[in-house]
Amino acid sequence: MPDYETLRLIWWLLLGVLLIGFAVMDGFDLGVGATFRFVGRTDDERRALLESIEPVWEGNQVWFILGGGAVPALLFGVAFGNLFLGLPFHYDELQRPVFTGSFFTLLHPFALLAGVVSLAMLIMHGNAYAALKVGEPMSQRAAAVGRAAVVVFVVAFIIGGIWVARLEGARIVAGADPFGPSNPLNKQVLLVPGAWLANYRDHALLWLLPLLGIAGAVANWFWLGAQRAGSAFLASCVSVAATILTAGVALFPFLMPSSTHPAHGLTIWDASSSAYTLGVMLAAVAILLPAVIAYTAWVFHVMRGRITLEEIRRHTGFY
């Protein structure tokens, strides 16, 4: 059995895997839904788009459920953006969390920019999938919408990165014990401008993650233009995964920083279950996660092929 520190690191990575799984698998459902009325202009065209995701969307929700056990498209990004800003919460004398903000305090301009990144990313991803799965003329429209989304995503992503470099980030200066029991009140934290890029400054290879996020999006743009939807979809998968990893690595080891009481922010060292629980859960994941992946692969294999308007007009059922 790995030691407590290693278990915490493994579960931080697994949480990232689950978030990536949700964004890649269910993200294209959200992306198709976000541009549904732009890509499909008649009832038959919209039915084709719906039927491209109907057989798989429910299975894709498994990743959302798994991620929730260990935040639609625009609000996911807003939530991630607020992690870089810190959330206004603290713990009282009984270690009960106290939230001192409101819904509107969460709508900071940076958080809204992160929401634009998320929305554009999922529209890019969803329309690459639509270009792959549906026939003409929806496929051509989806490619055009997806390429426009790439431009918005890349511009917003770069602006967001520059903004993050100017934000105050949390830095642990004392008290964090990777082997100790979870207690968010045992550490000392300072807010330092540019601290969210400390991991990138310390490990230069990590810069490959944001570069891969941009490169995947640019490749998506080129391949959609070349009518190679399969390659475009794989490129968008890479871009989505790299974008989420970029944010996760920047925040590490924080999971939920506090803007009002920085020392009360939650990290992987003080917001995890016991070593025994993490070990048992790891064993369960080692068995169940491959089964989920195999099941998902089988479903996509069975449902392979394009959905054309001719097929839609021949069948009146849902599938």
C-alpha atoms as a PDB file:
ATOM      1  CA  MET A   1       0.000   0.000   0.000  1.00  0.00           C
ATOM      2  CA  PRO A   2       1.441   3.445  -0.912  1.00  0.00           C
ATOM      3  CA  ASP A   3       2.139   5.866   1.936  1.00  0.00           C
ATOM      4  CA  TYR A   4      -0.322   8.639   2.829  1.00  0.00           C
ATOM      5  CA  GLU A   5       1.444  11.352   0.802  1.00  0.00           C
ATOM      6  CA  THR A   6       1.538   9.164  -2.296  1.00  0.00           C
ATOM      7  CA  LEU A   7      -2.126   8.219  -1.905  1.00  0.00           C
ATOM      8  CA  ARG A   8      -3.061  11.894  -1.721  1.00  0.00           C
ATOM      9  CA  LEU A   9      -1.050  12.629  -4.877  1.00  0.00           C
ATOM     10  CA  ILE A  10      -2.597   9.661  -6.691  1.00  0.00           C
ATOM     11  CA  TRP A  11      -6.089  10.849  -5.816  1.00  0.00           C
ATOM     12  CA  TRP A  12      -5.268  14.386  -6.954  1.00  0.00           C
ATOM     13  CA  LEU A  13      -4.266  12.885 -10.304  1.00  0.00           C
ATOM     14  CA  LEU A  14      -7.365  10.679 -10.381  1.00  0.00           C
ATOM     15  CA  LEU A  15      -9.585  13.682  -9.708  1.00  0.00           C
ATOM     16  CA  GLY A  16      -7.949  15.347 -12.709  1.00  0.00           C
ATOM     17  CA  VAL A  17      -8.526  12.228 -14.816  1.00  0.00           C
ATOM     18  CA  LEU A  18     -12.203  12.202 -13.858  1.00  0.00           C
ATOM     19  CA  LEU A  19     -12.611  15.892 -14.693  1.00  0.00           C
ATOM     20  CA  ILE A  20     -10.876  15.337 -18.033  1.00  0.00           C
ATOM     21  CA  GLY A  21     -13.061  12.295 -18.661  1.00  0.00           C
ATOM     22  CA  PHE A  22     -16.168  14.378 -18.023  1.00  0.00           C
ATOM     23  CA  ALA A  23     -14.973  17.286 -20.186  1.00  0.00           C
ATOM     24  CA  VAL A  24     -13.966  15.018 -23.086  1.00  0.00           C
ATOM     25  CA  MET A  25     -16.901  12.606 -22.964  1.00  0.00           C
ATOM     26  CA  ASP A  26     -19.791  14.798 -21.839  1.00  0.00           C
ATOM     27  CA  GLY A  27     -18.237  18.037 -23.098  1.00  0.00           C
ATOM     28  CA  PHE A  28     -19.131  17.325 -26.713  1.00  0.00           C
ATOM     29  CA  ASP A  29     -22.768  16.785 -25.636  1.00  0.00           C
ATOM     30  CA  LEU A  30     -22.742  20.257 -24.092  1.00  0.00           C
ATOM     31  CA  GLY A  31     -20.964  21.719 -27.118  1.00  0.00           C
ATOM     32  CA  VAL A  32     -23.518  20.244 -29.534  1.00  0.00           C
ATOM     33  CA  GLY A  33     -26.345  21.497 -27.334  1.00  0.00           C
ATOM     34  CA  ALA A  34     -24.889  25.010 -27.118  1.00  0.00           C
ATOM     35  CA  THR A  35     -24.938  25.439 -30.926  1.00  0.00           C
ATOM     36  CA  PHE A  36     -27.851  23.131 -31.688  1.00  0.00           C
ATOM     37  CA  ARG A  37     -30.016  25.760 -33.411  1.00  0.00           C
ATOM     38  CA  PHE A  38     -27.128  27.214 -35.411  1.00  0.00           C
ATOM     39  CA  VAL A  39     -25.931  23.945 -36.892  1.00  0.00           C
ATOM     40  CA  GLY A  40     -29.391  22.393 -37.381  1.00  0.00           C
ATOM     41  CA  ARG A  41     -31.836  24.644 -39.226  1.00  0.00           C
ATOM     42  CA  THR A  42     -34.691  22.245 -39.952  1.00  0.00           C
ATOM     43  CA  ASP A  43     -36.462  19.666 -37.865  1.00  0.00           C
ATOM     44  CA  ASP A  44     -34.706  16.787 -39.650  1.00  0.00           C
ATOM     45  CA  GLU A  45     -31.282  18.400 -39.222  1.00  0.00           C
ATOM     46  CA  ARG A  46     -31.881  18.947 -35.526  1.00  0.00           C
ATOM     47  CA  ARG A  47     -33.080  15.371 -35.101  1.00  0.00           C
ATOM     48  CA  ALA A  48     -29.823  14.187 -36.681  1.00  0.00           C
ATOM     49  CA  LEU A  49     -27.814  16.256 -34.217  1.00  0.00           C
ATOM     50  CA  LEU A  50     -29.858  14.963 -31.297  1.00  0.00           C
ATOM     51  CA  GLU A  51     -29.455  11.374 -32.394  1.00  0.00           C
ATOM     52  CA  SER A  52     -25.686  11.811 -32.636  1.00  0.00           C
ATOM     53  CA  ILE A  53     -25.546  12.245 -28.864  1.00  0.00           C
ATOM     54  CA  GLU A  54     -28.688  10.465 -27.602  1.00  0.00           C
ATOM     55  CA  PRO A  55     -27.156   6.961 -27.467  1.00  0.00           C
ATOM     56  CA  VAL A  56     -24.101   8.106 -25.487  1.00  0.00           C
ATOM     57  CA  TRP A  57     -24.980  11.143 -23.377  1.00  0.00           C
ATOM     58  CA  GLU A  58     -26.358   9.191 -20.442  1.00  0.00           C
ATOM     59  CA  GLY A  59     -23.277   6.998 -20.270  1.00  0.00           C
ATOM     60  CA  ASN A  60     -21.128  10.121 -20.457  1.00  0.00           C
ATOM     61  CA  GLN A  61     -22.752  11.352 -17.241  1.00  0.00           C
ATOM     62  CA  VAL A  62     -20.890   8.563 -15.431  1.00  0.00           C
ATOM     63  CA  TRP A  63     -17.788  10.748 -15.547  1.00  0.00           C
ATOM     64  CA  PHE A  64     -19.716  13.622 -13.957  1.00  0.00           C
ATOM     65  CA  ILE A  65     -20.979  11.354 -11.186  1.00  0.00           C
ATOM     66  CA  LEU A  66     -17.514   9.925 -10.567  1.00  0.00           C
ATOM     67  CA  GLY A  67     -15.958  13.388 -10.480  1.00  0.00           C
ATOM     68  CA  GLY A  68     -18.587  14.630  -8.038  1.00  0.00           C
ATOM     69  CA  GLY A  69     -17.937  11.625  -5.791  1.00  0.00           C
ATOM     70  CA  ALA A  70     -14.118  12.286  -5.311  1.00  0.00           C
ATOM     71  CA  VAL A  71     -19.204  21.983 -11.493  1.00  0.00           C
ATOM     72  CA  PRO A  72     -23.537  23.870 -17.626  1.00  0.00           C
ATOM     73  CA  ALA A  73     -20.514  24.759 -19.961  1.00  0.00           C
ATOM     74  CA  LEU A  74     -20.166  28.476 -19.095  1.00  0.00           C
ATOM     75  CA  LEU A  75     -20.644  27.960 -15.344  1.00  0.00           C
ATOM     76  CA  PHE A  76     -18.013  25.202 -15.175  1.00  0.00           C
ATOM     77  CA  GLY A  77     -15.444  27.744 -16.332  1.00  0.00           C
ATOM     78  CA  VAL A  78     -16.754  30.407 -13.956  1.00  0.00           C
ATOM     79  CA  ALA A  79     -16.303  27.952 -11.098  1.00  0.00           C
ATOM     80  CA  PHE A  80     -12.724  27.173 -12.130  1.00  0.00           C
ATOM     81  CA  GLY A  81     -11.970  30.885 -12.513  1.00  0.00           C
ATOM     82  CA  ASN A  82     -13.119  31.530  -8.967  1.00  0.00           C
ATOM     83  CA  LEU A  83     -10.596  28.998  -7.678  1.00  0.00           C
ATOM     84  CA  PHE A  84      -7.796  31.271  -8.911  1.00  0.00           C
ATOM     85  CA  LEU A  85      -9.481  34.243  -7.243  1.00  0.00           C
ATOM     86  CA  GLY A  86     -10.139  32.355  -4.021  1.00  0.00           C
ATOM     87  CA  LEU A  87     -13.569  31.843  -2.499  1.00  0.00           C
ATOM     88  CA  PRO A  88     -14.781  33.983   0.443  1.00  0.00           C
ATOM     89  CA  PHE A  89     -15.011  31.356   3.159  1.00  0.00           C
ATOM     90  CA  HIS A  90     -13.439  30.426   6.477  1.00  0.00           C
ATOM     91  CA  TYR A  91     -13.875  27.974   9.338  1.00  0.00           C
ATOM     92  CA  ASP A  92     -15.366  28.904  12.699  1.00  0.00           C
ATOM     93  CA  GLU A  93     -14.199  27.662  16.114  1.00  0.00           C
ATOM     94  CA  LEU A  94     -15.953  24.332  15.499  1.00  0.00           C
ATOM     95  CA  GLN A  95     -14.362  23.976  12.058  1.00  0.00           C
ATOM     96  CA  ARG A  96     -17.665  24.588  10.316  1.00  0.00           C
ATOM     97  CA  PRO A  97     -17.254  26.262   6.888  1.00  0.00           C
ATOM     98  CA  VAL A  98     -18.703  29.775   6.678  1.00  0.00           C
ATOM     99  CA  PHE A  99     -19.308  31.324   3.232  1.00  0.00           C
ATOM    100  CA  THR A 100     -19.287  35.131   3.387  1.00  0.00           C
ATOM    101  CA  GLY A 101     -19.871  35.941  -0.271  1.00  0.00           C
ATOM    102  CA  SER A 102     -22.918  35.930  -2.559  1.00  0.00           C
ATOM    103  CA  PHE A 103     -23.793  34.672  -6.018  1.00  0.00           C
ATOM    104  CA  PHE A 104     -22.853  37.992  -7.582  1.00  0.00           C
ATOM    105  CA  THR A 105     -19.426  38.086  -5.919  1.00  0.00           C
ATOM    106  CA  LEU A 106     -18.626  34.961  -7.921  1.00  0.00           C
ATOM    107  CA  LEU A 107     -19.194  36.807 -11.213  1.00  0.00           C
ATOM    108  CA  HIS A 108     -15.796  38.499 -11.195  1.00  0.00           C
ATOM    109  CA  PRO A 109     -14.555  39.542 -14.676  1.00  0.00           C
ATOM    110  CA  PHE A 110     -11.750  36.983 -14.523  1.00  0.00           C
ATOM    111  CA  ALA A 111     -14.206  34.232 -13.613  1.00  0.00           C
ATOM    112  CA  LEU A 112     -16.419  35.267 -16.543  1.00  0.00           C
ATOM    113  CA  LEU A 113     -13.372  35.138 -18.825  1.00  0.00           C
ATOM    114  CA  ALA A 114     -12.691  31.616 -17.588  1.00  0.00           C
ATOM    115  CA  GLY A 115     -16.324  30.865 -18.421  1.00  0.00           C
ATOM    116  CA  VAL A 116     -15.725  32.081 -21.988  1.00  0.00           C
ATOM    117  CA  VAL A 117     -12.682  29.800 -22.219  1.00  0.00           C
ATOM    118  CA  SER A 118     -14.775  26.852 -21.051  1.00  0.00           C
ATOM    119  CA  LEU A 119     -17.726  27.610 -23.337  1.00  0.00           C
ATOM    120  CA  ALA A 120     -15.545  28.155 -26.421  1.00  0.00           C
ATOM    121  CA  MET A 121     -13.548  25.018 -25.657  1.00  0.00           C
ATOM    122  CA  LEU A 122     -16.645  22.828 -25.404  1.00  0.00           C
ATOM    123  CA  ILE A 123     -18.215  24.371 -28.517  1.00  0.00           C
ATOM    124  CA  MET A 124     -14.962  23.590 -30.353  1.00  0.00           C
ATOM    125  CA  HIS A 125     -15.039  20.048 -29.029  1.00  0.00           C
ATOM    126  CA  GLY A 126     -18.756  19.484 -29.582  1.00  0.00           C
ATOM    127  CA  ASN A 127     -18.726  20.705 -33.154  1.00  0.00           C
ATOM    128  CA  ALA A 128     -15.706  18.562 -34.014  1.00  0.00           C
ATOM    129  CA  TYR A 129     -17.807  15.635 -32.833  1.00  0.00           C
ATOM    130  CA  ALA A 130     -20.836  16.854 -34.815  1.00  0.00           C
ATOM    131  CA  ALA A 131     -18.694  17.260 -37.956  1.00  0.00           C
ATOM    132  CA  LEU A 132     -17.624  13.644 -37.485  1.00  0.00           C
ATOM    133  CA  LYS A 133     -21.018  12.120 -36.684  1.00  0.00           C
ATOM    134  CA  VAL A 134     -23.606  13.867 -38.870  1.00  0.00           C
ATOM    135  CA  GLY A 135     -23.902  14.237 -42.624  1.00  0.00           C
ATOM    136  CA  GLU A 136     -24.174  17.321 -44.806  1.00  0.00           C
ATOM    137  CA  PRO A 137     -25.097  20.126 -44.585  1.00  0.00           C
ATOM    138  CA  MET A 138     -24.846  19.972 -40.764  1.00  0.00           C
ATOM    139  CA  SER A 139     -21.276  18.669 -40.847  1.00  0.00           C
ATOM    140  CA  GLN A 140     -20.042  21.665 -42.842  1.00  0.00           C
ATOM    141  CA  ARG A 141     -21.842  24.119 -40.558  1.00  0.00           C
ATOM    142  CA  ALA A 142     -20.455  22.376 -37.485  1.00  0.00           C
ATOM    143  CA  ALA A 143     -16.926  22.674 -38.875  1.00  0.00           C
ATOM    144  CA  ALA A 144     -17.410  26.420 -39.447  1.00  0.00           C
ATOM    145  CA  VAL A 145     -18.787  26.960 -35.936  1.00  0.00           C
ATOM    146  CA  GLY A 146     -16.007  24.838 -34.453  1.00  0.00           C
ATOM    147  CA  ARG A 147     -13.288  26.827 -36.229  1.00  0.00           C
ATOM    148  CA  ALA A 148     -14.776  30.108 -34.964  1.00  0.00           C
ATOM    149  CA  ALA A 149     -14.836  28.668 -31.442  1.00  0.00           C
ATOM    150  CA  VAL A 150     -11.135  27.778 -31.747  1.00  0.00           C
ATOM    151  CA  VAL A 151     -10.260  31.432 -32.350  1.00  0.00           C
ATOM    152  CA  VAL A 152     -12.279  32.565 -29.344  1.00  0.00           C
ATOM    153  CA  PHE A 153     -10.817  29.825 -27.164  1.00  0.00           C
ATOM    154  CA  VAL A 154      -7.168  30.528 -28.044  1.00  0.00           C
ATOM    155  CA  VAL A 155      -7.518  34.298 -27.566  1.00  0.00           C
ATOM    156  CA  ALA A 156      -9.401  33.950 -24.261  1.00  0.00           C
ATOM    157  CA  PHE A 157      -6.994  31.252 -23.027  1.00  0.00           C
ATOM    158  CA  ILE A 158      -3.933  33.446 -23.673  1.00  0.00           C
ATOM    159  CA  ILE A 159      -5.568  36.502 -22.070  1.00  0.00           C
ATOM    160  CA  GLY A 160      -6.506  34.339 -19.092  1.00  0.00           C
ATOM    161  CA  GLY A 161      -2.919  33.129 -18.713  1.00  0.00           C
ATOM    162  CA  ILE A 162      -1.594  36.705 -18.733  1.00  0.00           C
ATOM    163  CA  TRP A 163      -4.236  37.655 -16.153  1.00  0.00           C
ATOM    164  CA  VAL A 164      -3.308  34.708 -13.913  1.00  0.00           C
ATOM    165  CA  ALA A 165       0.316  35.908 -13.908  1.00  0.00           C
ATOM    166  CA  ARG A 166      -0.891  39.173 -12.344  1.00  0.00           C
ATOM    167  CA  LEU A 167      -3.274  37.664  -9.799  1.00  0.00           C
ATOM    168  CA  GLU A 168      -2.393  37.136  -6.162  1.00  0.00           C
ATOM    169  CA  GLY A 169      -1.912  33.429  -5.588  1.00  0.00           C
ATOM    170  CA  ALA A 170      -1.712  31.377  -2.412  1.00  0.00           C
ATOM    171  CA  ARG A 171       1.659  30.128  -1.222  1.00  0.00           C
ATOM    172  CA  ILE A 172       2.111  27.776   1.742  1.00  0.00           C
ATOM    173  CA  VAL A 173       4.971  28.981   3.935  1.00  0.00           C
ATOM    174  CA  ALA A 174       4.649  26.608   6.929  1.00  0.00           C
ATOM    175  CA  GLY A 175       2.533  23.933   8.552  1.00  0.00           C
ATOM    176  CA  ALA A 176       1.482  21.692   5.633  1.00  0.00           C
ATOM    177  CA  ASP A 177       2.195  18.043   6.452  1.00  0.00           C
ATOM    178  CA  PRO A 178       1.761  15.568   3.550  1.00  0.00           C
ATOM    179  CA  PHE A 179       1.742  12.684   6.042  1.00  0.00           C
ATOM    180  CA  GLY A 180      -0.370  14.296   8.782  1.00  0.00           C
ATOM    181  CA  PRO A 181      -4.114  14.159   9.432  1.00  0.00           C
ATOM    182  CA  SER A 182      -6.368  16.473   7.450  1.00  0.00           C
ATOM    183  CA  ASN A 183      -6.718  19.805   9.246  1.00  0.00           C
ATOM    184  CA  PRO A 184      -7.086  22.983   7.146  1.00  0.00           C
ATOM    185  CA  LEU A 185      -6.160  25.225  10.088  1.00  0.00           C
ATOM    186  CA  ASN A 186      -2.615  23.957  10.673  1.00  0.00           C
ATOM    187  CA  LYS A 187      -0.833  25.784   7.857  1.00  0.00           C
ATOM    188  CA  GLN A 188       0.345  29.331   7.151  1.00  0.00           C
ATOM    189  CA  VAL A 189      -0.413  30.853   3.750  1.00  0.00           C
ATOM    190  CA  LEU A 190       0.608  34.103   2.093  1.00  0.00           C
ATOM    191  CA  LEU A 191      -1.000  35.774  -0.925  1.00  0.00           C
ATOM    192  CA  VAL A 192       1.742  36.612  -3.429  1.00  0.00           C
ATOM    193  CA  PRO A 193       1.340  38.160  -6.910  1.00  0.00           C
ATOM    194  CA  GLY A 194       2.099  35.576  -9.573  1.00  0.00           C
ATOM    195  CA  ALA A 195       2.178  32.656  -7.130  1.00  0.00           C
ATOM    196  CA  TRP A 196      -0.149  30.575  -9.322  1.00  0.00           C
ATOM    197  CA  LEU A 197       2.711  30.214 -11.820  1.00  0.00           C
ATOM    198  CA  ALA A 198       5.229  29.024  -9.208  1.00  0.00           C
ATOM    199  CA  ASN A 199       4.973  25.375 -10.284  1.00  0.00           C
ATOM    200  CA  TYR A 200       5.671  26.372 -13.881  1.00  0.00           C
ATOM    201  CA  ARG A 201       8.674  28.451 -12.855  1.00  0.00           C
ATOM    202  CA  ASP A 202      10.032  25.565 -10.790  1.00  0.00           C
ATOM    203  CA  HIS A 203       9.444  22.891 -13.474  1.00  0.00           C
ATOM    204  CA  ALA A 204       9.899  24.329 -16.978  1.00  0.00           C
ATOM    205  CA  LEU A 205       8.557  21.181 -18.710  1.00  0.00           C
ATOM    206  CA  LEU A 206       5.108  21.966 -17.330  1.00  0.00           C
ATOM    207  CA  TRP A 207       4.846  24.798 -19.869  1.00  0.00           C
ATOM    208  CA  LEU A 208       4.207  22.055 -22.420  1.00  0.00           C
ATOM    209  CA  LEU A 209       0.680  21.732 -20.985  1.00  0.00           C
ATOM    210  CA  PRO A 210      -0.658  25.177 -21.996  1.00  0.00           C
ATOM    211  CA  LEU A 211       1.289  24.944 -25.270  1.00  0.00           C
ATOM    212  CA  LEU A 212      -0.375  21.591 -25.949  1.00  0.00           C
ATOM    213  CA  GLY A 213      -3.766  23.117 -25.169  1.00  0.00           C
ATOM    214  CA  ILE A 214      -3.205  25.791 -27.817  1.00  0.00           C
ATOM    215  CA  ALA A 215      -1.561  23.407 -30.302  1.00  0.00           C
ATOM    216  CA  GLY A 216      -4.483  20.966 -30.057  1.00  0.00           C
ATOM    217  CA  ALA A 217      -6.953  23.764 -30.741  1.00  0.00           C
ATOM    218  CA  VAL A 218      -4.958  25.049 -33.717  1.00  0.00           C
ATOM    219  CA  ALA A 219      -4.713  21.512 -35.130  1.00  0.00           C
ATOM    220  CA  ASN A 220      -8.487  21.215 -34.682  1.00  0.00           C
ATOM    221  CA  TRP A 221      -8.916  24.417 -36.734  1.00  0.00           C
ATOM    222  CA  PHE A 222      -6.747  23.140 -39.584  1.00  0.00           C
ATOM    223  CA  TRP A 223      -8.268  19.654 -39.693  1.00  0.00           C
ATOM    224  CA  LEU A 224     -11.829  20.938 -39.618  1.00  0.00           C
ATOM    225  CA  GLY A 225     -10.918  23.137 -42.583  1.00  0.00           C
ATOM    226  CA  ALA A 226      -9.429  20.094 -44.350  1.00  0.00           C
ATOM    227  CA  GLN A 227     -12.638  18.097 -43.647  1.00  0.00           C
ATOM    228  CA  ARG A 228     -10.753  15.617 -41.491  1.00  0.00           C
ATOM    229  CA  ALA A 229     -13.258  15.562 -38.641  1.00  0.00           C
ATOM    230  CA  GLY A 230     -11.832  12.467 -36.955  1.00  0.00           C
ATOM    231  CA  SER A 231      -8.402  14.048 -36.590  1.00  0.00           C
ATOM    232  CA  ALA A 232     -10.023  17.314 -35.497  1.00  0.00           C
ATOM    233  CA  PHE A 233     -11.957  15.524 -32.750  1.00  0.00           C
ATOM    234  CA  LEU A 234      -8.818  13.812 -31.439  1.00  0.00           C
ATOM    235  CA  ALA A 235      -7.018  17.177 -31.458  1.00  0.00           C
ATOM    236  CA  SER A 236      -9.815  18.778 -29.473  1.00  0.00           C
ATOM    237  CA  CYS A 237      -9.628  15.909 -26.945  1.00  0.00           C
ATOM    238  CA  VAL A 238      -5.943  16.714 -26.456  1.00  0.00           C
ATOM    239  CA  SER A 239      -6.694  20.426 -26.133  1.00  0.00           C
ATOM    240  CA  VAL A 240      -9.430  19.858 -23.543  1.00  0.00           C
ATOM    241  CA  ALA A 241      -7.253  17.552 -21.457  1.00  0.00           C
ATOM    242  CA  ALA A 242      -4.239  19.887 -21.593  1.00  0.00           C
ATOM    243  CA  THR A 243      -6.365  22.913 -20.651  1.00  0.00           C
ATOM    244  CA  ILE A 244      -7.718  21.217 -17.533  1.00  0.00           C
ATOM    245  CA  LEU A 245      -4.260  19.978 -16.564  1.00  0.00           C
ATOM    246  CA  THR A 246      -2.895  23.514 -17.050  1.00  0.00           C
ATOM    247  CA  ALA A 247      -5.331  24.852 -14.464  1.00  0.00           C
ATOM    248  CA  GLY A 248      -4.836  21.940 -12.073  1.00  0.00           C
ATOM    249  CA  VAL A 249      -1.052  22.201 -12.086  1.00  0.00           C
ATOM    250  CA  ALA A 250      -1.232  25.965 -11.493  1.00  0.00           C
ATOM    251  CA  LEU A 251      -3.478  25.494  -8.447  1.00  0.00           C
ATOM    252  CA  PHE A 252      -1.534  22.541  -6.968  1.00  0.00           C
ATOM    253  CA  PRO A 253      -1.590  21.716  -4.095  1.00  0.00           C
ATOM    254  CA  PHE A 254      -4.706  23.854  -3.521  1.00  0.00           C
ATOM    255  CA  LEU A 255      -8.176  22.501  -4.204  1.00  0.00           C
ATOM    256  CA  MET A 256     -10.237  25.445  -2.917  1.00  0.00           C
ATOM    257  CA  PRO A 257      -8.286  28.562  -1.887  1.00  0.00           C
ATOM    258  CA  SER A 258      -9.859  31.121   0.444  1.00  0.00           C
ATOM    259  CA  SER A 259      -9.761  34.817  -0.485  1.00  0.00           C
ATOM    260  CA  THR A 260     -10.726  36.080   2.994  1.00  0.00           C
ATOM    261  CA  HIS A 261      -8.728  33.671   5.175  1.00  0.00           C
ATOM    262  CA  PRO A 262      -5.892  32.304   3.007  1.00  0.00           C
ATOM    263  CA  ALA A 263      -4.703  29.891   5.709  1.00  0.00           C
ATOM    264  CA  HIS A 264      -8.153  28.223   5.680  1.00  0.00           C
ATOM    265  CA  GLY A 265      -7.925  27.286   1.995  1.00  0.00           C
ATOM    266  CA  LEU A 266      -8.194  23.570   1.249  1.00  0.00           C
ATOM    267  CA  THR A 267      -5.281  21.606  -0.176  1.00  0.00           C
ATOM    268  CA  ILE A 268      -4.722  17.953  -1.008  1.00  0.00           C
ATOM    269  CA  TRP A 269      -2.815  17.668   2.281  1.00  0.00           C
ATOM    270  CA  ASP A 270      -5.700  18.808   4.502  1.00  0.00           C
ATOM    271  CA  ALA A 271      -8.909  17.983   2.594  1.00  0.00           C
ATOM    272  CA  SER A 272      -8.565  14.239   2.046  1.00  0.00           C
ATOM    273  CA  SER A 273      -9.984  11.146   3.643  1.00  0.00           C
ATOM    274  CA  SER A 274      -7.908   8.850   5.821  1.00  0.00           C
ATOM    275  CA  ALA A 275      -5.146   6.728   4.328  1.00  0.00           C
ATOM    276  CA  TYR A 276      -7.261   3.597   4.796  1.00  0.00           C
ATOM    277  CA  THR A 277     -10.241   5.116   2.950  1.00  0.00           C
ATOM    278  CA  LEU A 278      -8.077   6.364   0.099  1.00  0.00           C
ATOM    279  CA  GLY A 279      -6.486   2.932  -0.198  1.00  0.00           C
ATOM    280  CA  VAL A 280      -9.831   1.106  -0.333  1.00  0.00           C
ATOM    281  CA  MET A 281     -11.185   3.613  -2.863  1.00  0.00           C
ATOM    282  CA  LEU A 282      -8.047   3.228  -4.986  1.00  0.00           C
ATOM    283  CA  ALA A 283      -8.554  -0.530  -5.118  1.00  0.00           C
ATOM    284  CA  ALA A 284     -12.179  -0.008  -6.177  1.00  0.00           C
ATOM    285  CA  VAL A 285     -11.165   2.459  -8.895  1.00  0.00           C
ATOM    286  CA  ALA A 286      -8.496   0.070 -10.186  1.00  0.00           C
ATOM    287  CA  ILE A 287     -11.305  -2.440 -10.819  1.00  0.00           C
ATOM    288  CA  LEU A 288     -14.184  -0.201 -11.899  1.00  0.00           C
ATOM    289  CA  LEU A 289     -12.472   2.491 -13.998  1.00  0.00           C
ATOM    290  CA  PRO A 290     -11.205   0.035 -16.652  1.00  0.00           C
ATOM    291  CA  ALA A 291     -14.737  -1.384 -16.806  1.00  0.00           C
ATOM    292  CA  VAL A 292     -16.175   2.101 -17.402  1.00  0.00           C
ATOM    293  CA  ILE A 293     -13.594   2.772 -20.127  1.00  0.00           C
ATOM    294  CA  ALA A 294     -14.230  -0.600 -21.795  1.00  0.00           C
ATOM    295  CA  TYR A 295     -18.010  -0.090 -21.686  1.00  0.00           C
ATOM    296  CA  THR A 296     -17.672   3.409 -23.156  1.00  0.00           C
ATOM    297  CA  ALA A 297     -15.397   2.171 -25.941  1.00  0.00           C
ATOM    298  CA  TRP A 298     -17.871  -0.616 -26.764  1.00  0.00           C
ATOM    299  CA  VAL A 299     -20.795   1.831 -26.956  1.00  0.00           C
ATOM    300  CA  PHE A 300     -18.931   4.129 -29.339  1.00  0.00           C
ATOM    301  CA  HIS A 301     -17.914   1.150 -31.461  1.00  0.00           C
ATOM    302  CA  VAL A 302     -21.520  -0.044 -31.735  1.00  0.00           C
ATOM    303  CA  MET A 303     -22.753   3.484 -32.521  1.00  0.00           C
ATOM    304  CA  ARG A 304     -20.024   4.260 -35.059  1.00  0.00           C
ATOM    305  CA  GLY A 305     -20.842   5.851 -38.410  1.00  0.00           C
ATOM    306  CA  ARG A 306     -22.543   9.042 -39.609  1.00  0.00           C
ATOM    307  CA  ILE A 307     -26.168  10.000 -39.190  1.00  0.00           C
ATOM    308  CA  THR A 308     -27.520  11.348 -42.470  1.00  0.00           C
ATOM    309  CA  LEU A 309     -30.727  13.147 -43.343  1.00  0.00           C
ATOM    310  CA  GLU A 310     -31.751  10.168 -45.478  1.00  0.00           C
ATOM    311  CA  GLU A 311     -31.616   7.881 -42.459  1.00  0.00           C
ATOM    312  CA  ILE A 312     -33.550  10.375 -40.343  1.00  0.00           C
ATOM    313  CA  ARG A 313     -36.305  10.537 -42.942  1.00  0.00           C
ATOM    314  CA  ARG A 314     -36.516   6.761 -43.179  1.00  0.00           C
ATOM    315  CA  HIS A 315     -36.989   6.265 -39.449  1.00  0.00           C
ATOM    316  CA  THR A 316     -39.503   7.914 -37.148  1.00  0.00           C
ATOM    317  CA  GLY A 317     -38.122   6.458 -33.907  1.00  0.00           C
ATOM    318  CA  PHE A 318     -35.508   7.951 -31.647  1.00  0.00           C
ATOM    319  CA  TYR A 319     -32.602   5.698 -32.776  1.00  0.00           C
END
